[in-house]
Amino acid sequence: MFQDMSKKLNASMEPFKELMEVQTRMLEKLTRQQLECAQICMHSTLNQTDELKQCSSADELIELQKRYTQAVEDALRHASTENLQTFSEAREAIERISSGAFDAFAPEK
């Protein structure tokens, strides 16, 4: 009897463990994506600073600023797309887990 209860308890906790694993993987992936985006933005800023020294006219400064803005915008757009994909994958995994999560509590037939 105790073993049966233990099995049911373990079976009922399995979906929660799986949910935690999905959330952990999602957060790890989002963190990597955000770090990559921050690094790209920092490199763009450093490149702009280096190139700033070589500018000798207002037109060159404007062009430099346009390139910098475009690089940052591209990095943010890419990070946003990756983040949304990560959230979508996590949502799908959570839906799969939750669709059968209450099977352990259902009366046996």
Protein backbone atom coordinates (compact mmCIF):
# COMPACT_ATOMS: atom_id res chain seq x y z
CA MET A 1 0.00 0.00 0.00
CA PHE A 2 2.79 2.40 0.92
CA GLN A 3 4.60 1.52 -2.30
CA ASP A 4 1.47 2.21 -4.34
CA MET A 5 1.07 5.61 -2.71
CA SER A 6 4.73 6.35 -3.26
CA LYS A 7 4.44 5.43 -6.93
CA LYS A 8 1.37 7.63 -7.35
CA LEU A 9 3.11 10.52 -5.60
CA ASN A 10 6.18 10.17 -7.79
CA ALA A 11 4.01 9.92 -10.90
CA SER A 12 2.05 13.01 -9.88
CA MET A 13 5.25 14.99 -9.28
CA GLU A 14 6.83 14.05 -12.63
CA PRO A 15 5.03 16.76 -14.63
CA PHE A 16 6.25 19.40 -12.16
CA LYS A 17 9.81 18.17 -12.54
CA GLU A 18 9.46 18.32 -16.31
CA LEU A 19 8.03 21.85 -16.11
CA MET A 20 11.00 22.95 -14.03
CA GLU A 21 13.38 21.43 -16.58
CA VAL A 22 11.64 23.24 -19.44
CA GLN A 23 11.77 26.54 -17.55
CA THR A 24 15.43 26.04 -16.67
CA ARG A 25 16.38 25.30 -20.28
CA MET A 26 14.34 28.29 -21.46
CA LEU A 27 16.00 30.68 -19.02
CA GLU A 28 19.47 29.37 -19.86
CA LYS A 29 18.82 29.82 -23.57
CA LEU A 30 17.37 33.32 -23.07
CA THR A 31 20.40 34.28 -20.99
CA ARG A 32 22.77 33.12 -23.72
CA GLN A 33 20.80 35.03 -26.33
CA GLN A 34 20.76 38.21 -24.27
CA LEU A 35 24.49 37.98 -23.56
CA GLU A 36 25.18 37.53 -27.25
CA CYS A 37 23.07 40.58 -28.05
CA ALA A 38 24.84 42.67 -25.40
CA GLN A 39 28.24 41.59 -26.76
CA ILE A 40 27.27 42.56 -30.29
CA CYS A 41 26.07 45.95 -29.09
CA MET A 42 29.28 46.50 -27.11
CA HIS A 43 31.43 45.56 -30.11
CA SER A 44 29.41 47.92 -32.28
CA THR A 45 30.00 50.71 -29.77
CA LEU A 46 33.73 49.99 -29.62
CA ASN A 47 33.94 49.90 -33.41
CA GLN A 48 32.09 53.19 -33.62
CA THR A 49 34.49 54.74 -31.12
CA ASP A 50 37.49 53.54 -33.14
CA GLU A 51 36.02 54.78 -36.40
CA LEU A 52 35.06 58.11 -34.85
CA LYS A 53 38.73 59.04 -34.68
CA GLN A 54 38.97 58.77 -38.45
CA CYS A 55 36.00 60.99 -39.25
CA SER A 56 36.86 64.41 -40.60
CA SER A 57 33.47 65.77 -41.63
CA ALA A 58 29.89 65.96 -40.44
CA ASP A 59 28.79 63.72 -43.31
CA GLU A 60 31.21 61.01 -42.19
CA LEU A 61 29.91 61.29 -38.62
CA ILE A 62 26.34 60.97 -39.81
CA GLU A 63 27.21 57.92 -41.92
CA LEU A 64 29.07 56.38 -38.98
CA GLN A 65 26.06 56.94 -36.73
CA LYS A 66 23.74 55.37 -39.31
CA ARG A 67 25.92 52.24 -39.53
CA TYR A 68 26.11 52.01 -35.74
CA THR A 69 22.36 52.42 -35.36
CA GLN A 70 21.72 49.79 -38.04
CA ALA A 71 24.10 47.31 -36.38
CA VAL A 72 22.43 47.74 -32.98
CA GLU A 73 18.97 47.54 -34.54
CA ASP A 74 19.92 44.32 -36.36
CA ALA A 75 21.30 42.82 -33.15
CA LEU A 76 18.15 43.70 -31.22
CA ARG A 77 15.88 42.40 -33.97
CA HIS A 78 17.82 39.12 -34.12
CA ALA A 79 17.70 38.74 -30.32
CA SER A 80 13.97 39.47 -30.33
CA THR A 81 13.33 36.81 -32.96
CA GLU A 82 15.41 34.25 -31.08
CA ASN A 83 13.72 35.14 -27.78
CA LEU A 84 10.25 34.71 -29.26
CA GLN A 85 11.27 31.36 -30.75
CA THR A 86 12.58 30.23 -27.35
CA PHE A 87 9.32 31.26 -25.67
CA SER A 88 7.33 29.46 -28.33
CA GLU A 89 9.33 26.25 -27.89
CA ALA A 90 8.89 26.44 -24.11
CA ARG A 91 5.16 27.07 -24.44
CA GLU A 92 4.76 24.05 -26.73
CA ALA A 93 6.71 21.85 -24.32
CA ILE A 94 4.65 23.09 -21.37
CA GLU A 95 1.42 22.43 -23.26
CA ARG A 96 2.54 18.87 -24.02
CA ILE A 97 3.42 18.29 -20.38
CA SER A 98 0.25 19.85 -19.00
CA SER A 99 -2.04 17.97 -21.38
CA GLY A 100 -1.24 14.74 -19.55
CA ALA A 101 -0.33 16.20 -16.16
CA PHE A 102 -3.44 15.09 -14.36
CA ASP A 103 -3.38 11.50 -15.55
CA ALA A 104 -1.78 10.44 -12.27
CA PHE A 105 -4.78 11.81 -10.38
CA ALA A 106 -7.39 10.20 -12.61
CA PRO A 107 -9.19 7.20 -11.20
CA GLU A 108 -7.95 3.92 -12.58
CA LYS A 109 -10.35 2.14 -14.90
